[in-house]
Amino acid sequence: MLEESTTLSQNFLEVISDPQPVTIVSYQASPAHVVNTWSSYIKVVDDSTFLVPAAGMRSIEADIATQNSQLILTFGSMKFEGTEGPGRGYHDVYATGEFVEAGKYFDLMKADLPWLRKVMIVHVQEVKQKI
């Protein structure tokens, strides 16, 4: 059964736990901007918020600052059962983001990832499972 939610479900958190690439798109920008990170870098802080380290991500940051751009993120893993067999994917994770360079979330991430420049706080609005 396909899953849709406004919060981060246990099934979704399982996928994040598997170290796989994550794609982040600011789709309202013209042109759209795309960046990637690893799911192992993401820290979940509550049932609708997670943190993403930013070493670069300047295009996404500029989109958010100037256009309050909406984000789409994609997550997937072959490790977990999906709707049609092996592999679970969330290709429509709709969110907004904000970048911070100080504060508790920055300090939390910087302790583990000393190379980061800023932290993107991702506020999830909707999660749709695709496979």
N, C-alpha and C. Protein backbone atom coordinates (compact mmCIF):
# COMPACT_ATOMS: atom_id res chain seq x y z
N MET A 1 0.84 -1.19 0.00
CA MET A 1 0.00 0.00 0.00
C MET A 1 0.88 1.24 0.00
N LEU A 2 0.56 2.21 -0.84
CA LEU A 2 1.29 3.46 -0.88
C LEU A 2 1.01 4.29 0.35
N GLU A 3 2.03 4.96 0.79
CA GLU A 3 1.93 5.75 2.01
C GLU A 3 1.94 7.23 1.66
N GLU A 4 1.04 8.01 2.28
CA GLU A 4 1.02 9.46 2.18
C GLU A 4 0.85 10.02 3.56
N SER A 5 1.64 11.07 3.87
CA SER A 5 1.59 11.60 5.22
C SER A 5 2.12 13.02 5.24
N THR A 6 1.83 13.74 6.30
CA THR A 6 2.43 15.05 6.53
C THR A 6 3.53 14.95 7.58
N THR A 7 3.78 13.74 8.04
CA THR A 7 4.84 13.52 9.02
C THR A 7 5.77 12.42 8.54
N LEU A 8 6.86 12.26 9.23
CA LEU A 8 7.87 11.26 8.87
C LEU A 8 7.50 9.94 9.53
N SER A 9 6.99 9.02 8.74
CA SER A 9 6.53 7.72 9.25
C SER A 9 7.72 6.81 9.57
N GLN A 10 7.45 5.74 10.25
CA GLN A 10 8.49 4.75 10.55
C GLN A 10 9.05 4.15 9.26
N ASN A 11 8.19 3.88 8.29
CA ASN A 11 8.65 3.34 7.00
C ASN A 11 9.60 4.31 6.30
N PHE A 12 9.28 5.59 6.34
CA PHE A 12 10.14 6.61 5.74
C PHE A 12 11.47 6.70 6.50
N LEU A 13 11.42 6.66 7.82
CA LEU A 13 12.64 6.74 8.63
C LEU A 13 13.56 5.55 8.38
N GLU A 14 12.97 4.39 8.09
CA GLU A 14 13.79 3.22 7.73
C GLU A 14 14.61 3.52 6.47
N VAL A 15 13.98 4.13 5.49
CA VAL A 15 14.68 4.44 4.24
C VAL A 15 15.81 5.44 4.51
N ILE A 16 15.55 6.46 5.31
CA ILE A 16 16.60 7.43 5.65
C ILE A 16 17.78 6.74 6.33
N SER A 17 17.52 5.71 7.11
CA SER A 17 18.59 5.04 7.85
C SER A 17 19.57 4.29 6.96
N ASP A 18 19.17 3.99 5.73
CA ASP A 18 20.05 3.30 4.79
C ASP A 18 20.87 4.36 4.04
N PRO A 19 22.20 4.33 4.13
CA PRO A 19 23.02 5.39 3.52
C PRO A 19 22.96 5.38 1.99
N GLN A 20 22.07 6.18 1.47
CA GLN A 20 21.85 6.30 0.03
C GLN A 20 21.86 7.78 -0.36
N PRO A 21 22.01 8.08 -1.65
CA PRO A 21 21.93 9.47 -2.10
C PRO A 21 20.52 10.04 -1.90
N VAL A 22 20.47 11.32 -1.62
CA VAL A 22 19.23 12.06 -1.49
C VAL A 22 19.32 13.24 -2.45
N THR A 23 18.28 13.46 -3.22
CA THR A 23 18.24 14.57 -4.16
C THR A 23 17.30 15.65 -3.63
N ILE A 24 17.75 16.90 -3.74
CA ILE A 24 16.98 18.06 -3.29
C ILE A 24 16.83 18.99 -4.48
N VAL A 25 15.57 19.36 -4.79
CA VAL A 25 15.29 20.21 -5.94
C VAL A 25 14.50 21.43 -5.49
N SER A 26 14.97 22.62 -5.88
CA SER A 26 14.16 23.83 -5.69
C SER A 26 13.46 24.08 -7.03
N TYR A 27 12.26 23.57 -7.14
CA TYR A 27 11.59 23.46 -8.44
C TYR A 27 10.91 24.75 -8.89
N GLN A 28 10.74 25.73 -8.03
CA GLN A 28 10.12 26.98 -8.46
C GLN A 28 11.14 27.93 -9.07
N ALA A 29 12.42 27.64 -8.91
CA ALA A 29 13.45 28.47 -9.51
C ALA A 29 13.45 28.28 -11.02
N SER A 30 13.99 29.26 -11.72
CA SER A 30 14.07 29.15 -13.16
C SER A 30 15.49 29.44 -13.60
N PRO A 31 16.27 28.43 -13.90
CA PRO A 31 15.90 27.02 -13.94
C PRO A 31 15.86 26.41 -12.55
N ALA A 32 15.27 25.24 -12.46
CA ALA A 32 15.27 24.51 -11.18
C ALA A 32 16.71 24.18 -10.81
N HIS A 33 16.99 24.14 -9.52
CA HIS A 33 18.32 23.77 -9.05
C HIS A 33 18.24 22.44 -8.33
N VAL A 34 19.28 21.62 -8.53
CA VAL A 34 19.33 20.28 -7.97
C VAL A 34 20.65 20.11 -7.24
N VAL A 35 20.58 19.58 -6.01
CA VAL A 35 21.77 19.23 -5.25
C VAL A 35 21.54 17.84 -4.64
N ASN A 36 22.61 17.25 -4.15
CA ASN A 36 22.53 15.94 -3.52
C ASN A 36 23.26 15.93 -2.20
N THR A 37 22.87 14.99 -1.37
CA THR A 37 23.57 14.71 -0.12
C THR A 37 23.42 13.21 0.13
N TRP A 38 23.92 12.76 1.25
CA TRP A 38 23.78 11.36 1.66
C TRP A 38 22.78 11.28 2.81
N SER A 39 21.94 10.28 2.78
CA SER A 39 20.95 10.13 3.86
C SER A 39 21.61 9.94 5.21
N SER A 40 22.82 9.40 5.23
CA SER A 40 23.52 9.20 6.51
C SER A 40 23.90 10.52 7.17
N TYR A 41 23.90 11.63 6.43
CA TYR A 41 24.20 12.95 7.00
C TYR A 41 22.97 13.60 7.63
N ILE A 42 21.79 13.11 7.33
CA ILE A 42 20.55 13.75 7.77
C ILE A 42 20.25 13.39 9.22
N LYS A 43 19.86 14.41 9.99
CA LYS A 43 19.43 14.21 11.37
C LYS A 43 17.96 14.60 11.49
N VAL A 44 17.14 13.67 11.95
CA VAL A 44 15.72 13.93 12.17
C VAL A 44 15.58 14.55 13.56
N VAL A 45 14.87 15.69 13.64
CA VAL A 45 14.70 16.36 14.93
C VAL A 45 13.29 16.24 15.49
N ASP A 46 12.31 16.02 14.63
CA ASP A 46 10.96 15.71 15.11
C ASP A 46 10.19 15.08 13.96
N ASP A 47 8.90 14.87 14.12
CA ASP A 47 8.16 14.09 13.12
C ASP A 47 7.86 14.83 11.82
N SER A 48 8.33 16.08 11.69
CA SER A 48 8.17 16.78 10.42
C SER A 48 9.37 17.68 10.08
N THR A 49 10.49 17.47 10.77
CA THR A 49 11.65 18.32 10.55
C THR A 49 12.93 17.49 10.57
N PHE A 50 13.80 17.75 9.61
CA PHE A 50 15.13 17.16 9.66
C PHE A 50 16.17 18.17 9.20
N LEU A 51 17.43 17.86 9.49
CA LEU A 51 18.54 18.74 9.21
C LEU A 51 19.42 18.15 8.13
N VAL A 52 19.88 19.00 7.21
CA VAL A 52 20.75 18.59 6.12
C VAL A 52 21.99 19.48 6.16
N PRO A 53 23.19 18.91 6.19
CA PRO A 53 24.39 19.74 6.17
C PRO A 53 24.60 20.36 4.79
N ALA A 54 25.10 21.58 4.78
CA ALA A 54 25.38 22.25 3.52
C ALA A 54 26.85 22.67 3.49
N ALA A 55 27.60 22.01 2.63
CA ALA A 55 28.96 22.45 2.37
C ALA A 55 28.90 23.46 1.22
N GLY A 56 28.13 23.10 0.20
CA GLY A 56 27.84 23.99 -0.92
C GLY A 56 26.38 24.39 -0.84
N MET A 57 25.58 23.87 -1.74
CA MET A 57 24.13 24.12 -1.80
C MET A 57 23.79 25.60 -1.95
N ARG A 58 24.69 26.36 -2.52
CA ARG A 58 24.46 27.81 -2.63
C ARG A 58 23.30 28.15 -3.56
N SER A 59 23.07 27.34 -4.59
CA SER A 59 21.96 27.62 -5.50
C SER A 59 20.62 27.44 -4.79
N ILE A 60 20.49 26.38 -4.03
CA ILE A 60 19.25 26.13 -3.27
C ILE A 60 19.08 27.22 -2.21
N GLU A 61 20.16 27.56 -1.54
CA GLU A 61 20.10 28.61 -0.51
C GLU A 61 19.63 29.93 -1.12
N ALA A 62 20.16 30.30 -2.29
CA ALA A 62 19.75 31.55 -2.94
C ALA A 62 18.27 31.49 -3.35
N ASP A 63 17.82 30.35 -3.84
CA ASP A 63 16.41 30.21 -4.22
C ASP A 63 15.51 30.42 -3.01
N ILE A 64 15.87 29.83 -1.90
CA ILE A 64 15.06 29.97 -0.68
C ILE A 64 15.06 31.41 -0.20
N ALA A 65 16.22 32.06 -0.24
CA ALA A 65 16.33 33.43 0.25
C ALA A 65 15.56 34.43 -0.61
N THR A 66 15.56 34.22 -1.93
CA THR A 66 14.94 35.20 -2.80
C THR A 66 13.52 34.87 -3.22
N GLN A 67 13.16 33.60 -3.20
CA GLN A 67 11.85 33.20 -3.72
C GLN A 67 11.03 32.37 -2.75
N ASN A 68 11.54 32.14 -1.55
CA ASN A 68 10.87 31.25 -0.61
C ASN A 68 10.51 29.94 -1.32
N SER A 69 11.47 29.43 -2.07
CA SER A 69 11.25 28.29 -2.96
C SER A 69 10.81 27.03 -2.22
N GLN A 70 9.87 26.36 -2.83
CA GLN A 70 9.45 25.05 -2.35
C GLN A 70 10.48 24.02 -2.79
N LEU A 71 10.61 22.97 -2.00
CA LEU A 71 11.57 21.92 -2.28
C LEU A 71 10.86 20.59 -2.51
N ILE A 72 11.46 19.76 -3.36
CA ILE A 72 11.08 18.35 -3.49
C ILE A 72 12.35 17.56 -3.20
N LEU A 73 12.22 16.55 -2.35
CA LEU A 73 13.34 15.67 -2.04
C LEU A 73 12.96 14.25 -2.41
N THR A 74 13.97 13.46 -2.77
CA THR A 74 13.73 12.06 -3.09
C THR A 74 14.62 11.18 -2.22
N PHE A 75 14.06 10.07 -1.77
CA PHE A 75 14.75 9.09 -0.94
C PHE A 75 14.40 7.71 -1.45
N GLY A 76 15.33 6.79 -1.37
CA GLY A 76 15.02 5.42 -1.76
C GLY A 76 16.02 4.44 -1.20
N SER A 77 15.61 3.19 -1.12
CA SER A 77 16.48 2.12 -0.64
C SER A 77 15.99 0.79 -1.18
N MET A 78 16.93 0.00 -1.65
CA MET A 78 16.62 -1.37 -2.08
C MET A 78 16.50 -2.31 -0.88
N LYS A 79 16.92 -1.85 0.26
CA LYS A 79 17.00 -2.68 1.46
C LYS A 79 15.62 -3.03 2.05
N PHE A 80 14.62 -2.22 1.77
CA PHE A 80 13.31 -2.39 2.40
C PHE A 80 12.25 -2.71 1.35
N GLU A 81 11.29 -3.48 1.77
CA GLU A 81 10.17 -3.88 0.90
C GLU A 81 9.35 -2.65 0.53
N GLY A 82 9.03 -2.53 -0.76
CA GLY A 82 8.19 -1.45 -1.25
C GLY A 82 6.81 -1.97 -1.61
N THR A 83 6.15 -1.27 -2.49
CA THR A 83 4.79 -1.65 -2.87
C THR A 83 4.75 -2.78 -3.89
N GLU A 84 5.84 -2.99 -4.63
CA GLU A 84 5.86 -4.00 -5.69
C GLU A 84 6.97 -5.03 -5.48
N GLY A 85 7.55 -5.08 -4.32
CA GLY A 85 8.66 -5.98 -4.06
C GLY A 85 9.82 -5.23 -3.42
N PRO A 86 11.05 -5.70 -3.64
CA PRO A 86 12.20 -5.04 -3.02
C PRO A 86 12.36 -3.61 -3.52
N GLY A 87 12.65 -2.72 -2.61
CA GLY A 87 12.88 -1.32 -2.94
C GLY A 87 11.72 -0.44 -2.53
N ARG A 88 12.03 0.54 -1.69
CA ARG A 88 11.02 1.49 -1.23
C ARG A 88 11.51 2.88 -1.60
N GLY A 89 10.65 3.67 -2.24
CA GLY A 89 11.05 5.00 -2.68
C GLY A 89 10.02 6.06 -2.38
N TYR A 90 10.53 7.19 -1.97
CA TYR A 90 9.73 8.39 -1.71
C TYR A 90 10.25 9.47 -2.64
N HIS A 91 9.56 9.67 -3.76
CA HIS A 91 10.04 10.60 -4.77
C HIS A 91 9.36 11.95 -4.65
N ASP A 92 8.37 12.06 -3.83
CA ASP A 92 7.66 13.32 -3.64
C ASP A 92 7.62 13.67 -2.16
N VAL A 93 8.73 14.17 -1.67
CA VAL A 93 8.76 14.71 -0.31
C VAL A 93 8.76 16.23 -0.48
N TYR A 94 7.61 16.85 -0.22
CA TYR A 94 7.45 18.29 -0.40
C TYR A 94 7.80 18.98 0.92
N ALA A 95 8.56 20.08 0.80
CA ALA A 95 9.05 20.74 2.01
C ALA A 95 9.41 22.19 1.71
N THR A 96 9.67 22.91 2.79
CA THR A 96 10.31 24.21 2.71
C THR A 96 11.61 24.09 3.48
N GLY A 97 12.50 25.02 3.27
CA GLY A 97 13.78 24.97 3.95
C GLY A 97 14.23 26.33 4.41
N GLU A 98 15.15 26.31 5.34
CA GLU A 98 15.81 27.54 5.78
C GLU A 98 17.24 27.17 6.15
N PHE A 99 18.15 28.08 5.89
CA PHE A 99 19.56 27.85 6.18
C PHE A 99 19.96 28.62 7.42
N VAL A 100 20.72 27.97 8.30
CA VAL A 100 21.23 28.62 9.50
C VAL A 100 22.74 28.39 9.59
N GLU A 101 23.44 29.35 10.18
CA GLU A 101 24.88 29.21 10.36
C GLU A 101 25.29 29.39 11.82
N ALA A 102 24.31 29.34 12.71
CA ALA A 102 24.55 29.41 14.15
C ALA A 102 23.34 28.82 14.86
N GLY A 103 23.52 28.53 16.13
CA GLY A 103 22.42 28.03 16.93
C GLY A 103 22.52 26.55 17.22
N LYS A 104 21.52 26.03 17.92
CA LYS A 104 21.59 24.64 18.40
C LYS A 104 21.67 23.62 17.28
N TYR A 105 20.90 23.81 16.20
CA TYR A 105 20.94 22.84 15.11
C TYR A 105 22.28 22.89 14.38
N PHE A 106 22.82 24.08 14.19
CA PHE A 106 24.13 24.21 13.56
C PHE A 106 25.18 23.53 14.43
N ASP A 107 25.17 23.80 15.72
CA ASP A 107 26.15 23.21 16.64
C ASP A 107 26.04 21.69 16.66
N LEU A 108 24.81 21.18 16.66
CA LEU A 108 24.58 19.74 16.66
C LEU A 108 25.21 19.08 15.43
N MET A 109 25.00 19.65 14.27
CA MET A 109 25.52 19.09 13.03
C MET A 109 27.02 19.30 12.90
N LYS A 110 27.51 20.46 13.29
CA LYS A 110 28.93 20.79 13.15
C LYS A 110 29.80 19.86 14.00
N ALA A 111 29.26 19.39 15.12
CA ALA A 111 30.02 18.47 15.99
C ALA A 111 30.38 17.18 15.25
N ASP A 112 29.49 16.71 14.40
CA ASP A 112 29.73 15.47 13.65
C ASP A 112 30.30 15.70 12.26
N LEU A 113 30.03 16.86 11.69
CA LEU A 113 30.43 17.14 10.31
C LEU A 113 31.17 18.48 10.26
N PRO A 114 32.44 18.49 10.63
CA PRO A 114 33.16 19.76 10.77
C PRO A 114 33.32 20.54 9.46
N TRP A 115 33.08 19.91 8.33
CA TRP A 115 33.25 20.56 7.03
C TRP A 115 32.04 21.39 6.60
N LEU A 116 30.91 21.29 7.32
CA LEU A 116 29.72 21.99 6.85
C LEU A 116 29.86 23.50 6.97
N ARG A 117 29.18 24.19 6.08
CA ARG A 117 29.16 25.65 6.02
C ARG A 117 27.93 26.20 6.72
N LYS A 118 26.80 25.56 6.48
CA LYS A 118 25.52 25.92 7.07
C LYS A 118 24.71 24.65 7.23
N VAL A 119 23.55 24.78 7.87
CA VAL A 119 22.61 23.67 8.00
C VAL A 119 21.29 24.12 7.38
N MET A 120 20.74 23.24 6.56
CA MET A 120 19.40 23.50 6.03
C MET A 120 18.40 22.77 6.92
N ILE A 121 17.50 23.53 7.50
CA ILE A 121 16.40 22.95 8.28
C ILE A 121 15.26 22.70 7.29
N VAL A 122 14.86 21.45 7.17
CA VAL A 122 13.81 21.06 6.22
C VAL A 122 12.52 20.82 6.99
N HIS A 123 11.49 21.56 6.60
CA HIS A 123 10.16 21.44 7.21
C HIS A 123 9.26 20.69 6.23
N VAL A 124 8.98 19.45 6.55
CA VAL A 124 8.21 18.59 5.65
C VAL A 124 6.74 18.97 5.66
N GLN A 125 6.19 19.07 4.46
CA GLN A 125 4.77 19.38 4.30
C GLN A 125 3.98 18.15 3.89
N GLU A 126 4.61 17.30 3.07
CA GLU A 126 3.92 16.11 2.58
C GLU A 126 4.93 15.07 2.13
N VAL A 127 4.64 13.81 2.43
CA VAL A 127 5.50 12.70 2.02
C VAL A 127 4.63 11.72 1.25
N LYS A 128 5.06 11.40 0.01
CA LYS A 128 4.33 10.44 -0.81
C LYS A 128 5.28 9.32 -1.22
N GLN A 129 4.88 8.12 -0.88
CA GLN A 129 5.64 6.96 -1.32
C GLN A 129 5.28 6.67 -2.77
N LYS A 130 6.30 6.34 -3.58
CA LYS A 130 6.06 6.04 -5.00
C LYS A 130 6.22 4.57 -5.31
N ILE A 131 7.15 3.89 -4.63
CA ILE A 131 7.31 2.45 -4.85
C ILE A 131 7.48 1.75 -3.52
